[in-house]
Amino acid sequence: MLESPDAVLIYMPLMKELGMSWNEIKRTSRHELRALCTALYEYKAYHSMDGYTAEDISGMAKNKPQVRQQYNTYLQTRRKYDIMIGNEKKPTGFGNIK
């Protein structure tokens, strides 16, 4: 089990991030464990760049280009959940003028 992908990808995040005990994990179905891990990943993506502006990201991306990809993932996740909860923002720009 030391090199098991389940230990690294499922059990440890659940124990560390969600505070689940080993007994709770054993009692939970595999399907529910995967759903919890997926939800945890989405939660982290949803809040990963809170507080940063596009200008902040541009400045950071000069030294670390991967920051721009992380920011794009953040924006996609935010848009997805904003649409789901009905918080969709109206597009701004000249495209709205008729």
C-alpha atoms as a PDB file:
ATOM      1  CA  MET A   1       0.000   0.000   0.000  1.00  0.00           C
ATOM      2  CA  LEU A   2       2.996   2.325   0.326  1.00  0.00           C
ATOM      3  CA  GLU A   3       3.027   2.985  -3.409  1.00  0.00           C
ATOM      4  CA  SER A   4      -0.686   2.548  -4.017  1.00  0.00           C
ATOM      5  CA  PRO A   5      -2.271   5.302  -6.108  1.00  0.00           C
ATOM      6  CA  ASP A   6      -5.360   5.077  -3.880  1.00  0.00           C
ATOM      7  CA  ALA A   7      -3.332   6.034  -0.822  1.00  0.00           C
ATOM      8  CA  VAL A   8      -1.790   9.029  -2.553  1.00  0.00           C
ATOM      9  CA  LEU A   9      -4.761  10.213  -4.625  1.00  0.00           C
ATOM     10  CA  ILE A  10      -7.734   9.357  -2.419  1.00  0.00           C
ATOM     11  CA  TYR A  11      -6.973   8.523   1.206  1.00  0.00           C
ATOM     12  CA  MET A  12      -4.378  11.156   2.039  1.00  0.00           C
ATOM     13  CA  PRO A  13      -6.327  14.118   0.598  1.00  0.00           C
ATOM     14  CA  LEU A  14      -9.457  12.972   2.432  1.00  0.00           C
ATOM     15  CA  MET A  15      -7.606  12.638   5.700  1.00  0.00           C
ATOM     16  CA  LYS A  16      -5.600  15.822   5.366  1.00  0.00           C
ATOM     17  CA  GLU A  17      -8.075  18.192   3.731  1.00  0.00           C
ATOM     18  CA  LEU A  18     -11.421  16.877   4.967  1.00  0.00           C
ATOM     19  CA  GLY A  19     -10.294  15.505   8.316  1.00  0.00           C
ATOM     20  CA  MET A  20     -11.721  12.055   7.698  1.00  0.00           C
ATOM     21  CA  SER A  21     -10.454   9.257   9.885  1.00  0.00           C
ATOM     22  CA  TRP A  22      -9.247   5.923   8.547  1.00  0.00           C
ATOM     23  CA  ASN A  23     -12.398   4.258   9.929  1.00  0.00           C
ATOM     24  CA  GLU A  24     -14.650   6.780   8.180  1.00  0.00           C
ATOM     25  CA  ILE A  25     -12.842   6.185   4.907  1.00  0.00           C
ATOM     26  CA  LYS A  26     -13.191   2.402   5.255  1.00  0.00           C
ATOM     27  CA  ARG A  27     -16.942   2.732   5.944  1.00  0.00           C
ATOM     28  CA  THR A  28     -17.509   4.997   2.917  1.00  0.00           C
ATOM     29  CA  SER A  29     -18.130   3.486  -0.516  1.00  0.00           C
ATOM     30  CA  ARG A  30     -15.490   3.919  -3.202  1.00  0.00           C
ATOM     31  CA  HIS A  31     -17.957   5.893  -5.320  1.00  0.00           C
ATOM     32  CA  GLU A  32     -18.522   8.395  -2.501  1.00  0.00           C
ATOM     33  CA  LEU A  33     -14.777   8.678  -1.840  1.00  0.00           C
ATOM     34  CA  ARG A  34     -14.120   9.536  -5.483  1.00  0.00           C
ATOM     35  CA  ALA A  35     -16.964  12.063  -5.416  1.00  0.00           C
ATOM     36  CA  LEU A  36     -15.479  13.688  -2.305  1.00  0.00           C
ATOM     37  CA  CYS A  37     -12.051  13.912  -3.956  1.00  0.00           C
ATOM     38  CA  THR A  38     -13.562  15.402  -7.115  1.00  0.00           C
ATOM     39  CA  ALA A  39     -15.507  17.938  -5.073  1.00  0.00           C
ATOM     40  CA  LEU A  40     -12.353  18.826  -3.139  1.00  0.00           C
ATOM     41  CA  TYR A  41     -10.458  19.377  -6.408  1.00  0.00           C
ATOM     42  CA  GLU A  42     -13.268  21.580  -7.763  1.00  0.00           C
ATOM     43  CA  TYR A  43     -13.395  23.545  -4.505  1.00  0.00           C
ATOM     44  CA  LYS A  44      -9.667  24.188  -4.644  1.00  0.00           C
ATOM     45  CA  ALA A  45      -9.856  25.248  -8.299  1.00  0.00           C
ATOM     46  CA  TYR A  46     -12.842  27.503  -7.528  1.00  0.00           C
ATOM     47  CA  HIS A  47     -10.949  29.378  -4.815  1.00  0.00           C
ATOM     48  CA  SER A  48      -7.360  28.992  -6.051  1.00  0.00           C
ATOM     49  CA  MET A  49      -6.939  32.537  -7.352  1.00  0.00           C
ATOM     50  CA  ASP A  50      -9.343  34.462  -5.132  1.00  0.00           C
ATOM     51  CA  GLY A  51      -8.105  37.990  -4.592  1.00  0.00           C
ATOM     52  CA  TYR A  52      -5.970  38.214  -7.736  1.00  0.00           C
ATOM     53  CA  THR A  53      -6.796  40.496 -10.638  1.00  0.00           C
ATOM     54  CA  ALA A  54      -5.958  39.970 -14.309  1.00  0.00           C
ATOM     55  CA  GLU A  55      -3.169  42.545 -13.876  1.00  0.00           C
ATOM     56  CA  ASP A  56      -1.700  40.593 -10.959  1.00  0.00           C
ATOM     57  CA  ILE A  57      -1.710  37.434 -13.057  1.00  0.00           C
ATOM     58  CA  SER A  58      -0.025  39.204 -15.981  1.00  0.00           C
ATOM     59  CA  GLY A  59       2.744  40.361 -13.679  1.00  0.00           C
ATOM     60  CA  MET A  60       3.245  36.905 -12.178  1.00  0.00           C
ATOM     61  CA  ALA A  61       3.065  35.189 -15.587  1.00  0.00           C
ATOM     62  CA  LYS A  62       6.171  37.038 -16.751  1.00  0.00           C
ATOM     63  CA  ASN A  63       8.276  34.914 -14.405  1.00  0.00           C
ATOM     64  CA  LYS A  64       6.059  31.806 -14.299  1.00  0.00           C
ATOM     65  CA  PRO A  65       4.024  31.276 -17.490  1.00  0.00           C
ATOM     66  CA  GLN A  66       2.105  28.351 -15.926  1.00  0.00           C
ATOM     67  CA  VAL A  67       0.304  30.869 -13.701  1.00  0.00           C
ATOM     68  CA  ARG A  68      -1.743  31.989 -16.703  1.00  0.00           C
ATOM     69  CA  GLN A  69      -3.008  28.422 -17.255  1.00  0.00           C
ATOM     70  CA  GLN A  70      -3.895  28.103 -13.572  1.00  0.00           C
ATOM     71  CA  TYR A  71      -5.775  31.404 -13.783  1.00  0.00           C
ATOM     72  CA  ASN A  72      -7.664  30.235 -16.883  1.00  0.00           C
ATOM     73  CA  THR A  73      -8.671  27.034 -15.064  1.00  0.00           C
ATOM     74  CA  TYR A  74      -9.824  29.179 -12.145  1.00  0.00           C
ATOM     75  CA  LEU A  75     -11.916  31.402 -14.447  1.00  0.00           C
ATOM     76  CA  GLN A  76     -13.475  28.400 -16.216  1.00  0.00           C
ATOM     77  CA  THR A  77     -14.409  26.821 -12.899  1.00  0.00           C
ATOM     78  CA  ARG A  78     -15.864  30.102 -11.616  1.00  0.00           C
ATOM     79  CA  ARG A  79     -17.933  30.524 -14.799  1.00  0.00           C
ATOM     80  CA  LYS A  80     -19.192  26.934 -14.634  1.00  0.00           C
ATOM     81  CA  TYR A  81     -20.440  27.270 -11.054  1.00  0.00           C
ATOM     82  CA  ASP A  82     -21.748  30.805 -11.537  1.00  0.00           C
ATOM     83  CA  ILE A  83     -23.924  29.503 -14.382  1.00  0.00           C
ATOM     84  CA  MET A  84     -25.076  26.539 -12.264  1.00  0.00           C
ATOM     85  CA  ILE A  85     -26.213  28.748  -9.392  1.00  0.00           C
ATOM     86  CA  GLY A  86     -27.690  31.435 -11.641  1.00  0.00           C
ATOM     87  CA  ASN A  87     -25.032  34.024 -10.898  1.00  0.00           C
ATOM     88  CA  GLU A  88     -24.030  34.386 -14.521  1.00  0.00           C
ATOM     89  CA  LYS A  89     -22.448  37.749 -15.255  1.00  0.00           C
ATOM     90  CA  LYS A  90     -23.568  39.663 -18.302  1.00  0.00           C
ATOM     91  CA  PRO A  91     -20.795  40.095 -20.882  1.00  0.00           C
ATOM     92  CA  THR A  92     -19.439  43.594 -21.199  1.00  0.00           C
ATOM     93  CA  GLY A  93     -18.036  45.187 -24.284  1.00  0.00           C
ATOM     94  CA  PHE A  94     -19.095  46.355 -27.709  1.00  0.00           C
ATOM     95  CA  GLY A  95     -20.680  43.009 -28.605  1.00  0.00           C
ATOM     96  CA  ASN A  96     -23.825  43.988 -26.678  1.00  0.00           C
ATOM     97  CA  ILE A  97     -24.499  47.160 -28.658  1.00  0.00           C
ATOM     98  CA  LYS A  98     -27.160  46.808 -31.343  1.00  0.00           C
END
